[in-house]
Amino acid sequence: MKILIAEDDPLTLDALASCIEAEGFTTLQAQDGRQAIELTPRETSILHLLHQHQGKPVSRDTLLDACWGMAYFPSSCTHDHRYLLGQP
């Protein structure tokens, strides 16, 4: 299992990583929150859409229309999942 540590103090970051790695985990380290979460424009639009609909389901059509545009119409749900995960 990988654990992400975001900490701006290098000494604290190293100490946390050492403790976590001593327990058998792998760590990914970032100097700040921005470095820890680098999103693509599409990922940002998905998060924005989900934030606008907090606590409510978002339909597949709404998600595709808002984040991929009208030109994107996959032929199957399986294709949707593979495309969303970055697989051809």
C-alpha atoms as a PDB file:
ATOM      1  CA  MET A   1       0.000   0.000   0.000  1.00  0.00           C
ATOM      2  CA  LYS A   2       1.231   3.493  -0.853  1.00  0.00           C
ATOM      3  CA  ILE A   3       0.638   6.410   1.492  1.00  0.00           C
ATOM      4  CA  LEU A   4       0.832  10.009   0.301  1.00  0.00           C
ATOM      5  CA  ILE A   5       2.465  12.460   2.709  1.00  0.00           C
ATOM      6  CA  ALA A   6       2.105  16.194   1.999  1.00  0.00           C
ATOM      7  CA  GLU A   7       4.253  18.312   4.316  1.00  0.00           C
ATOM      8  CA  ASP A   8       6.090  21.571   3.672  1.00  0.00           C
ATOM      9  CA  ASP A   9       8.740  21.044   6.357  1.00  0.00           C
ATOM     10  CA  PRO A  10      11.451  18.714   4.978  1.00  0.00           C
ATOM     11  CA  LEU A  11      12.505  17.405   8.396  1.00  0.00           C
ATOM     12  CA  THR A  12       8.941  16.537   9.363  1.00  0.00           C
ATOM     13  CA  LEU A  13       8.355  14.965   5.952  1.00  0.00           C
ATOM     14  CA  ASP A  14      11.425  12.753   6.334  1.00  0.00           C
ATOM     15  CA  ALA A  15      10.483  11.777   9.902  1.00  0.00           C
ATOM     16  CA  LEU A  16       6.931  10.853   8.903  1.00  0.00           C
ATOM     17  CA  ALA A  17       8.145   8.876   5.898  1.00  0.00           C
ATOM     18  CA  SER A  18      10.654   6.967   8.022  1.00  0.00           C
ATOM     19  CA  CYS A  19       8.005   6.001  10.596  1.00  0.00           C
ATOM     20  CA  ILE A  20       5.505   4.905   7.956  1.00  0.00           C
ATOM     21  CA  GLU A  21       8.083   2.998   5.919  1.00  0.00           C
ATOM     22  CA  ALA A  22       9.287   1.240   9.098  1.00  0.00           C
ATOM     23  CA  GLU A  23       5.775  -0.240   9.314  1.00  0.00           C
ATOM     24  CA  GLY A  24       6.183  -1.749   5.843  1.00  0.00           C
ATOM     25  CA  PHE A  25       4.331   0.851   3.773  1.00  0.00           C
ATOM     26  CA  THR A  26       5.588   2.689   0.705  1.00  0.00           C
ATOM     27  CA  THR A  27       5.367   6.471   0.787  1.00  0.00           C
ATOM     28  CA  LEU A  28       4.868   9.089  -1.886  1.00  0.00           C
ATOM     29  CA  GLN A  29       6.099  12.480  -0.722  1.00  0.00           C
ATOM     30  CA  ALA A  30       5.008  15.973  -1.709  1.00  0.00           C
ATOM     31  CA  GLN A  31       6.329  19.315  -0.485  1.00  0.00           C
ATOM     32  CA  ASP A  32       2.840  20.860  -0.375  1.00  0.00           C
ATOM     33  CA  GLY A  33      -0.816  20.243  -1.151  1.00  0.00           C
ATOM     34  CA  ARG A  34      -0.564  21.578  -4.701  1.00  0.00           C
ATOM     35  CA  GLN A  35       2.204  19.141  -5.539  1.00  0.00           C
ATOM     36  CA  ALA A  36       0.264  16.305  -3.888  1.00  0.00           C
ATOM     37  CA  ILE A  37      -2.821  16.893  -6.005  1.00  0.00           C
ATOM     38  CA  GLU A  38      -2.001  17.826  -9.567  1.00  0.00           C
ATOM     39  CA  LEU A  39      -5.176  17.510 -11.596  1.00  0.00           C
ATOM     40  CA  THR A  40      -5.737  17.570 -15.324  1.00  0.00           C
ATOM     41  CA  PRO A  41      -8.263  20.107 -16.660  1.00  0.00           C
ATOM     42  CA  ARG A  42     -10.811  17.300 -17.148  1.00  0.00           C
ATOM     43  CA  GLU A  43     -10.332  16.029 -13.569  1.00  0.00           C
ATOM     44  CA  THR A  44     -10.816  19.602 -12.351  1.00  0.00           C
ATOM     45  CA  SER A  45     -14.075  19.910 -14.318  1.00  0.00           C
ATOM     46  CA  ILE A  46     -15.329  16.595 -12.879  1.00  0.00           C
ATOM     47  CA  LEU A  47     -14.603  17.739  -9.316  1.00  0.00           C
ATOM     48  CA  HIS A  48     -16.291  21.083 -10.012  1.00  0.00           C
ATOM     49  CA  LEU A  49     -19.401  19.333 -11.345  1.00  0.00           C
ATOM     50  CA  LEU A  50     -19.547  16.975  -8.355  1.00  0.00           C
ATOM     51  CA  HIS A  51     -19.107  19.925  -5.990  1.00  0.00           C
ATOM     52  CA  GLN A  52     -22.048  21.701  -7.650  1.00  0.00           C
ATOM     53  CA  HIS A  53     -24.208  18.608  -7.027  1.00  0.00           C
ATOM     54  CA  GLN A  54     -23.040  17.796  -3.497  1.00  0.00           C
ATOM     55  CA  GLY A  55     -25.007  14.944  -1.993  1.00  0.00           C
ATOM     56  CA  LYS A  56     -26.912  14.290  -5.227  1.00  0.00           C
ATOM     57  CA  PRO A  57     -26.255  11.726  -7.920  1.00  0.00           C
ATOM     58  CA  VAL A  58     -24.943  13.003 -11.247  1.00  0.00           C
ATOM     59  CA  SER A  59     -26.222  11.198 -14.311  1.00  0.00           C
ATOM     60  CA  ARG A  60     -23.876   9.696 -16.843  1.00  0.00           C
ATOM     61  CA  ASP A  61     -25.236  12.022 -19.538  1.00  0.00           C
ATOM     62  CA  THR A  62     -24.721  15.112 -17.355  1.00  0.00           C
ATOM     63  CA  LEU A  63     -21.157  14.070 -16.548  1.00  0.00           C
ATOM     64  CA  LEU A  64     -20.265  13.336 -20.161  1.00  0.00           C
ATOM     65  CA  ASP A  65     -21.903  16.502 -21.460  1.00  0.00           C
ATOM     66  CA  ALA A  66     -20.331  18.807 -18.868  1.00  0.00           C
ATOM     67  CA  CYS A  67     -16.849  17.294 -18.826  1.00  0.00           C
ATOM     68  CA  TRP A  68     -16.366  15.779 -22.290  1.00  0.00           C
ATOM     69  CA  GLY A  69     -18.713  17.907 -24.382  1.00  0.00           C
ATOM     70  CA  MET A  70     -21.466  16.977 -26.808  1.00  0.00           C
ATOM     71  CA  ALA A  71     -19.048  15.317 -29.247  1.00  0.00           C
ATOM     72  CA  TYR A  72     -18.251  12.472 -26.836  1.00  0.00           C
ATOM     73  CA  PHE A  73     -20.805   9.661 -27.012  1.00  0.00           C
ATOM     74  CA  PRO A  74     -19.334   6.259 -26.135  1.00  0.00           C
ATOM     75  CA  SER A  75     -21.160   3.182 -27.326  1.00  0.00           C
ATOM     76  CA  SER A  76     -21.129   1.286 -24.043  1.00  0.00           C
ATOM     77  CA  CYS A  77     -20.687   1.653 -20.295  1.00  0.00           C
ATOM     78  CA  THR A  78     -17.675  -0.660 -20.444  1.00  0.00           C
ATOM     79  CA  HIS A  79     -16.066   1.717 -22.899  1.00  0.00           C
ATOM     80  CA  ASP A  80     -16.886   4.617 -20.524  1.00  0.00           C
ATOM     81  CA  HIS A  81     -15.051   3.004 -17.622  1.00  0.00           C
ATOM     82  CA  ARG A  82     -12.021   2.104 -19.687  1.00  0.00           C
ATOM     83  CA  TYR A  83     -11.852   5.614 -21.176  1.00  0.00           C
ATOM     84  CA  LEU A  84     -12.227   7.273 -17.772  1.00  0.00           C
ATOM     85  CA  LEU A  85      -9.375   5.141 -16.421  1.00  0.00           C
ATOM     86  CA  GLY A  86      -7.147   6.186 -19.303  1.00  0.00           C
ATOM     87  CA  GLN A  87      -7.153   2.839 -21.055  1.00  0.00           C
ATOM     88  CA  PRO A  88      -7.661   2.584 -24.834  1.00  0.00           C
END
